[in-house]
Each structure stands twice: as structure tokens, then as C-alpha cells.
Amino acid sequence: MKTIYRIIKILTSKKVISAIRSQTIKLNILRGVLYSDELNSLHLQMYSADNEMLFV
């Protein structure tokens, strides 16, 4: 029984680690999109002179 518990624990931890890695990859992709297109990027809109006080 202890062996089965250990195997399940290892498999569960691997699933959690892979889920965290996939979320990290998705976050990196979103960050890349945020900074890639400077004309329409959210980052540029947040810090533009017209909207300077909007996000402070």
C-alpha cells in the first residue's frame, strides 16, 4: 500500500509541475505580446502622455 501511495504522490507532483510550467510558458507568451507591438501595446497605452495620470 505504501508503494502505491508513493507512486501516486510522484505522479501527482509531476502533473503539478507540468501544469506550472505550461502556465509559465503561457505567461511568457502574453508578456511577449504585451511588448511586441509598440504601436498598439498595452504598455505603451499605459504610459503615454495622454493617459499619464490614468494608471498612477
N, C-alpha and C. Protein backbone atom coordinates (compact mmCIF):
# COMPACT_ATOMS: atom_id res chain seq x y z
N MET A 1 0.82 -1.20 0.00
CA MET A 1 0.00 0.00 0.00
C MET A 1 0.87 1.26 0.00
N LYS A 2 1.97 1.21 0.75
CA LYS A 2 2.86 2.37 0.79
C LYS A 2 3.48 2.63 -0.58
N THR A 3 3.76 1.59 -1.31
CA THR A 3 4.34 1.74 -2.64
C THR A 3 3.36 2.43 -3.58
N ILE A 4 2.12 2.04 -3.53
CA ILE A 4 1.09 2.67 -4.37
C ILE A 4 0.94 4.13 -4.00
N TYR A 5 0.94 4.43 -2.71
CA TYR A 5 0.84 5.81 -2.26
C TYR A 5 2.01 6.64 -2.76
N ARG A 6 3.21 6.09 -2.70
CA ARG A 6 4.40 6.81 -3.19
C ARG A 6 4.33 7.05 -4.69
N ILE A 7 3.87 6.06 -5.44
CA ILE A 7 3.75 6.21 -6.89
C ILE A 7 2.72 7.29 -7.22
N ILE A 8 1.59 7.27 -6.54
CA ILE A 8 0.55 8.29 -6.78
C ILE A 8 1.08 9.67 -6.41
N LYS A 9 1.82 9.76 -5.32
CA LYS A 9 2.38 11.04 -4.90
C LYS A 9 3.36 11.58 -5.94
N ILE A 10 4.19 10.72 -6.49
CA ILE A 10 5.16 11.13 -7.51
C ILE A 10 4.45 11.57 -8.78
N LEU A 11 3.46 10.81 -9.22
CA LEU A 11 2.73 11.16 -10.43
C LEU A 11 1.97 12.47 -10.26
N THR A 12 1.37 12.68 -9.10
CA THR A 12 0.64 13.91 -8.84
C THR A 12 1.58 15.11 -8.85
N SER A 13 2.75 14.96 -8.24
CA SER A 13 3.70 16.06 -8.21
C SER A 13 4.20 16.39 -9.62
N LYS A 14 4.37 15.38 -10.46
CA LYS A 14 4.80 15.63 -11.84
C LYS A 14 3.71 16.36 -12.62
N LYS A 15 2.45 16.04 -12.37
CA LYS A 15 1.35 16.73 -13.04
C LYS A 15 1.30 18.19 -12.61
N VAL A 16 1.51 18.45 -11.33
CA VAL A 16 1.50 19.82 -10.83
C VAL A 16 2.65 20.61 -11.43
N ILE A 17 3.83 20.01 -11.48
CA ILE A 17 5.00 20.69 -12.04
C ILE A 17 4.78 21.00 -13.52
N SER A 18 4.22 20.07 -14.27
CA SER A 18 3.97 20.32 -15.69
C SER A 18 2.91 21.38 -15.89
N ALA A 19 1.91 21.43 -15.02
CA ALA A 19 0.89 22.47 -15.12
C ALA A 19 1.49 23.84 -14.84
N ILE A 20 2.36 23.92 -13.85
CA ILE A 20 3.02 25.19 -13.54
C ILE A 20 3.90 25.63 -14.71
N ARG A 21 4.62 24.70 -15.30
CA ARG A 21 5.48 25.04 -16.45
C ARG A 21 4.65 25.53 -17.62
N SER A 22 3.52 24.90 -17.89
CA SER A 22 2.70 25.33 -19.02
C SER A 22 2.12 26.71 -18.76
N GLN A 23 1.74 27.01 -17.52
CA GLN A 23 1.24 28.34 -17.20
C GLN A 23 2.34 29.38 -17.32
N THR A 24 3.57 29.01 -16.95
CA THR A 24 4.70 29.93 -17.09
C THR A 24 4.96 30.23 -18.55
N ILE A 25 4.87 29.23 -19.40
CA ILE A 25 5.06 29.43 -20.84
C ILE A 25 3.98 30.35 -21.39
N LYS A 26 2.73 30.14 -20.98
CA LYS A 26 1.64 31.00 -21.44
C LYS A 26 1.85 32.43 -20.98
N LEU A 27 2.33 32.61 -19.75
CA LEU A 27 2.59 33.94 -19.23
C LEU A 27 3.70 34.62 -20.01
N ASN A 28 4.74 33.89 -20.35
CA ASN A 28 5.83 34.46 -21.15
C ASN A 28 5.35 34.86 -22.53
N ILE A 29 4.45 34.08 -23.11
CA ILE A 29 3.89 34.43 -24.42
C ILE A 29 3.08 35.72 -24.30
N LEU A 30 2.28 35.84 -23.25
CA LEU A 30 1.49 37.06 -23.06
C LEU A 30 2.39 38.27 -22.84
N ARG A 31 3.47 38.09 -22.10
CA ARG A 31 4.41 39.20 -21.91
C ARG A 31 5.04 39.61 -23.23
N GLY A 32 5.35 38.64 -24.06
CA GLY A 32 5.92 38.94 -25.37
C GLY A 32 4.96 39.72 -26.23
N VAL A 33 3.68 39.35 -26.19
CA VAL A 33 2.66 40.06 -26.95
C VAL A 33 2.50 41.48 -26.42
N LEU A 34 2.62 41.63 -25.11
CA LEU A 34 2.46 42.94 -24.49
C LEU A 34 3.51 43.92 -25.00
N TYR A 35 4.74 43.45 -25.18
CA TYR A 35 5.82 44.34 -25.57
C TYR A 35 6.16 44.29 -27.06
N SER A 36 5.56 43.39 -27.82
CA SER A 36 5.99 43.19 -29.20
C SER A 36 5.52 44.30 -30.13
N ASP A 37 4.28 44.69 -30.04
CA ASP A 37 3.74 45.68 -30.96
C ASP A 37 3.64 47.01 -30.23
N GLU A 38 4.63 47.87 -30.41
CA GLU A 38 4.69 49.10 -29.64
C GLU A 38 3.58 50.09 -29.99
N LEU A 39 3.06 50.03 -31.20
CA LEU A 39 2.02 50.98 -31.58
C LEU A 39 0.70 50.70 -30.86
N ASN A 40 0.37 49.44 -30.67
CA ASN A 40 -0.90 49.10 -30.05
C ASN A 40 -0.74 48.39 -28.71
N SER A 41 0.45 48.40 -28.15
CA SER A 41 0.66 47.62 -26.93
C SER A 41 0.02 48.29 -25.73
N LEU A 42 -0.40 47.48 -24.80
CA LEU A 42 -0.99 47.97 -23.57
C LEU A 42 0.04 48.76 -22.78
N HIS A 43 1.27 48.32 -22.83
CA HIS A 43 2.35 49.01 -22.11
C HIS A 43 2.49 50.44 -22.61
N LEU A 44 2.47 50.65 -23.90
CA LEU A 44 2.59 51.99 -24.46
C LEU A 44 1.38 52.84 -24.10
N GLN A 45 0.20 52.25 -24.15
CA GLN A 45 -1.02 52.99 -23.81
C GLN A 45 -1.02 53.40 -22.34
N MET A 46 -0.49 52.55 -21.49
CA MET A 46 -0.47 52.86 -20.06
C MET A 46 0.43 54.05 -19.75
N TYR A 47 1.52 54.16 -20.48
CA TYR A 47 2.50 55.18 -20.17
C TYR A 47 2.54 56.31 -21.20
N SER A 48 1.54 56.42 -22.02
CA SER A 48 1.52 57.51 -22.98
C SER A 48 1.22 58.83 -22.27
N ALA A 49 1.58 59.93 -22.88
CA ALA A 49 1.41 61.24 -22.25
C ALA A 49 -0.06 61.56 -22.02
N ASP A 50 -0.94 61.12 -22.91
CA ASP A 50 -2.37 61.41 -22.77
C ASP A 50 -2.98 60.73 -21.55
N ASN A 51 -2.52 59.54 -21.25
CA ASN A 51 -3.09 58.76 -20.15
C ASN A 51 -2.15 58.67 -18.96
N GLU A 52 -1.28 59.65 -18.81
CA GLU A 52 -0.24 59.55 -17.80
C GLU A 52 -0.80 59.37 -16.39
N MET A 53 -1.84 60.09 -16.04
CA MET A 53 -2.39 60.03 -14.68
C MET A 53 -3.43 58.93 -14.52
N LEU A 54 -3.82 58.28 -15.59
CA LEU A 54 -4.88 57.28 -15.53
C LEU A 54 -4.47 56.06 -14.72
N PHE A 55 -3.23 55.62 -14.83
CA PHE A 55 -2.79 54.40 -14.17
C PHE A 55 -1.89 54.66 -12.97
N VAL A 56 -1.82 55.88 -12.50
CA VAL A 56 -0.93 56.21 -11.37
C VAL A 56 -1.60 55.86 -10.06
